[in-house]
Amino acid sequence: MAPTKKLSQCVRVLVMIITVIAMLAWSPPVF
């Protein structure tokens, strides 16, 4: 049970990171 929960959490974090990177890559830099 624990490994599956951990894996799901890890996947969610990975998706969040990929989304942030995609947004940064496709939007004009604001810095």
PDB file of N, CA and C in Angstrom:
ATOM      1  N   MET A   1       0.840  -1.203   0.000  1.00  0.00           N
ATOM      2  CA  MET A   1       0.000   0.000   0.000  1.00  0.00           C
ATOM      3  C   MET A   1       0.881   1.261   0.000  1.00  0.00           C
ATOM      4  N   ALA A   2       1.883   1.261   0.882  1.00  0.00           N
ATOM      5  CA  ALA A   2       2.736   2.453   1.007  1.00  0.00           C
ATOM      6  C   ALA A   2       3.483   2.772  -0.295  1.00  0.00           C
ATOM      7  N   PRO A   3       4.131   1.763  -0.930  1.00  0.00           N
ATOM      8  CA  PRO A   3       4.880   2.067  -2.166  1.00  0.00           C
ATOM      9  C   PRO A   3       3.987   2.675  -3.248  1.00  0.00           C
ATOM     10  N   THR A   4       2.769   2.154  -3.373  1.00  0.00           N
ATOM     11  CA  THR A   4       1.867   2.669  -4.406  1.00  0.00           C
ATOM     12  C   THR A   4       1.530   4.127  -4.127  1.00  0.00           C
ATOM     13  N   LYS A   5       1.265   4.431  -2.854  1.00  0.00           N
ATOM     14  CA  LYS A   5       0.937   5.804  -2.484  1.00  0.00           C
ATOM     15  C   LYS A   5       2.127   6.719  -2.766  1.00  0.00           C
ATOM     16  N   LYS A   6       3.322   6.245  -2.424  1.00  0.00           N
ATOM     17  CA  LYS A   6       4.530   7.045  -2.643  1.00  0.00           C
ATOM     18  C   LYS A   6       4.735   7.277  -4.133  1.00  0.00           C
ATOM     19  N   LEU A   7       4.525   6.230  -4.930  1.00  0.00           N
ATOM     20  CA  LEU A   7       4.710   6.349  -6.380  1.00  0.00           C
ATOM     21  C   LEU A   7       3.725   7.363  -6.951  1.00  0.00           C
ATOM     22  N   SER A   8       2.483   7.301  -6.494  1.00  0.00           N
ATOM     23  CA  SER A   8       1.465   8.237  -6.987  1.00  0.00           C
ATOM     24  C   SER A   8       1.851   9.663  -6.640  1.00  0.00           C
ATOM     25  N   GLN A   9       2.363   9.858  -5.411  1.00  0.00           N
ATOM     26  CA  GLN A   9       2.787  11.199  -4.998  1.00  0.00           C
ATOM     27  C   GLN A   9       3.942  11.665  -5.872  1.00  0.00           C
ATOM     28  N   CYS A  10       4.885  10.759  -6.151  1.00  0.00           N
ATOM     29  CA  CYS A  10       6.048  11.104  -6.971  1.00  0.00           C
ATOM     30  C   CYS A  10       5.593  11.505  -8.371  1.00  0.00           C
ATOM     31  N   VAL A  11       4.637  10.768  -8.935  1.00  0.00           N
ATOM     32  CA  VAL A  11       4.135  11.078 -10.277  1.00  0.00           C
ATOM     33  C   VAL A  11       3.477  12.458 -10.276  1.00  0.00           C
ATOM     34  N   ARG A  12       2.726  12.755  -9.211  1.00  0.00           N
ATOM     35  CA  ARG A  12       2.066  14.061  -9.140  1.00  0.00           C
ATOM     36  C   ARG A  12       3.091  15.183  -9.114  1.00  0.00           C
ATOM     37  N   VAL A  13       4.168  14.995  -8.353  1.00  0.00           N
ATOM     38  CA  VAL A  13       5.221  16.016  -8.278  1.00  0.00           C
ATOM     39  C   VAL A  13       5.888  16.170  -9.638  1.00  0.00           C
ATOM     40  N   LEU A  14       6.136  15.044 -10.318  1.00  0.00           N
ATOM     41  CA  LEU A  14       6.776  15.097 -11.637  1.00  0.00           C
ATOM     42  C   LEU A  14       5.892  15.856 -12.623  1.00  0.00           C
ATOM     43  N   VAL A  15       4.600  15.581 -12.605  1.00  0.00           N
ATOM     44  CA  VAL A  15       3.678  16.266 -13.519  1.00  0.00           C
ATOM     45  C   VAL A  15       3.678  17.764 -13.232  1.00  0.00           C
ATOM     46  N   MET A  16       3.702  18.126 -11.941  1.00  0.00           N
ATOM     47  CA  MET A  16       3.723  19.540 -11.576  1.00  0.00           C
ATOM     48  C   MET A  16       4.978  20.216 -12.114  1.00  0.00           C
ATOM     49  N   ILE A  17       6.131  19.547 -11.951  1.00  0.00           N
ATOM     50  CA  ILE A  17       7.402  20.116 -12.418  1.00  0.00           C
ATOM     51  C   ILE A  17       7.383  20.268 -13.935  1.00  0.00           C
ATOM     52  N   ILE A  18       6.879  19.247 -14.638  1.00  0.00           N
ATOM     53  CA  ILE A  18       6.834  19.303 -16.107  1.00  0.00           C
ATOM     54  C   ILE A  18       5.923  20.444 -16.555  1.00  0.00           C
ATOM     55  N   THR A  19       4.790  20.613 -15.866  1.00  0.00           N
ATOM     56  CA  THR A  19       3.868  21.689 -16.224  1.00  0.00           C
ATOM     57  C   THR A  19       4.531  23.046 -16.042  1.00  0.00           C
ATOM     58  N   VAL A  20       5.250  23.218 -14.927  1.00  0.00           N
ATOM     59  CA  VAL A  20       5.928  24.498 -14.669  1.00  0.00           C
ATOM     60  C   VAL A  20       6.985  24.758 -15.734  1.00  0.00           C
ATOM     61  N   ILE A  21       7.753  23.725 -16.079  1.00  0.00           N
ATOM     62  CA  ILE A  21       8.804  23.886 -17.098  1.00  0.00           C
ATOM     63  C   ILE A  21       8.171  24.240 -18.444  1.00  0.00           C
ATOM     64  N   ALA A  22       7.076  23.574 -18.780  1.00  0.00           N
ATOM     65  CA  ALA A  22       6.410  23.847 -20.056  1.00  0.00           C
ATOM     66  C   ALA A  22       5.894  25.285 -20.083  1.00  0.00           C
ATOM     67  N   MET A  23       5.303  25.738 -18.981  1.00  0.00           N
ATOM     68  CA  MET A  23       4.794  27.104 -18.922  1.00  0.00           C
ATOM     69  C   MET A  23       5.942  28.102 -19.076  1.00  0.00           C
ATOM     70  N   LEU A  24       7.070  27.826 -18.423  1.00  0.00           N
ATOM     71  CA  LEU A  24       8.223  28.732 -18.512  1.00  0.00           C
ATOM     72  C   LEU A  24       8.788  28.729 -19.928  1.00  0.00           C
ATOM     73  N   ALA A  25       8.757  27.562 -20.585  1.00  0.00           N
ATOM     74  CA  ALA A  25       9.363  27.441 -21.912  1.00  0.00           C
ATOM     75  C   ALA A  25       8.488  28.118 -22.972  1.00  0.00           C
ATOM     76  N   TRP A  26       7.139  28.048 -22.795  1.00  0.00           N
ATOM     77  CA  TRP A  26       6.244  28.538 -23.844  1.00  0.00           C
ATOM     78  C   TRP A  26       5.807  29.978 -23.634  1.00  0.00           C
ATOM     79  N   SER A  27       5.987  30.509 -22.407  1.00  0.00           N
ATOM     80  CA  SER A  27       5.589  31.896 -22.154  1.00  0.00           C
ATOM     81  C   SER A  27       6.812  32.798 -22.199  1.00  0.00           C
ATOM     82  N   PRO A  28       6.651  34.050 -22.620  1.00  0.00           N
ATOM     83  CA  PRO A  28       7.795  34.965 -22.650  1.00  0.00           C
ATOM     84  C   PRO A  28       8.341  35.174 -21.248  1.00  0.00           C
ATOM     85  N   PRO A  29       9.648  35.266 -21.098  1.00  0.00           N
ATOM     86  CA  PRO A  29      10.245  35.435 -19.768  1.00  0.00           C
ATOM     87  C   PRO A  29       9.740  36.705 -19.095  1.00  0.00           C
ATOM     88  N   VAL A  30       9.422  36.598 -17.818  1.00  0.00           N
ATOM     89  CA  VAL A  30       8.905  37.746 -17.081  1.00  0.00           C
ATOM     90  C   VAL A  30       9.991  38.331 -16.184  1.00  0.00           C
ATOM     91  N   PHE A  31      11.137  37.673 -16.107  1.00  0.00           N
ATOM     92  CA  PHE A  31      12.185  38.122 -15.182  1.00  0.00           C
ATOM     93  C   PHE A  31      12.938  39.301 -15.785  1.00  0.00           C
TER      94      PHE A  31
END
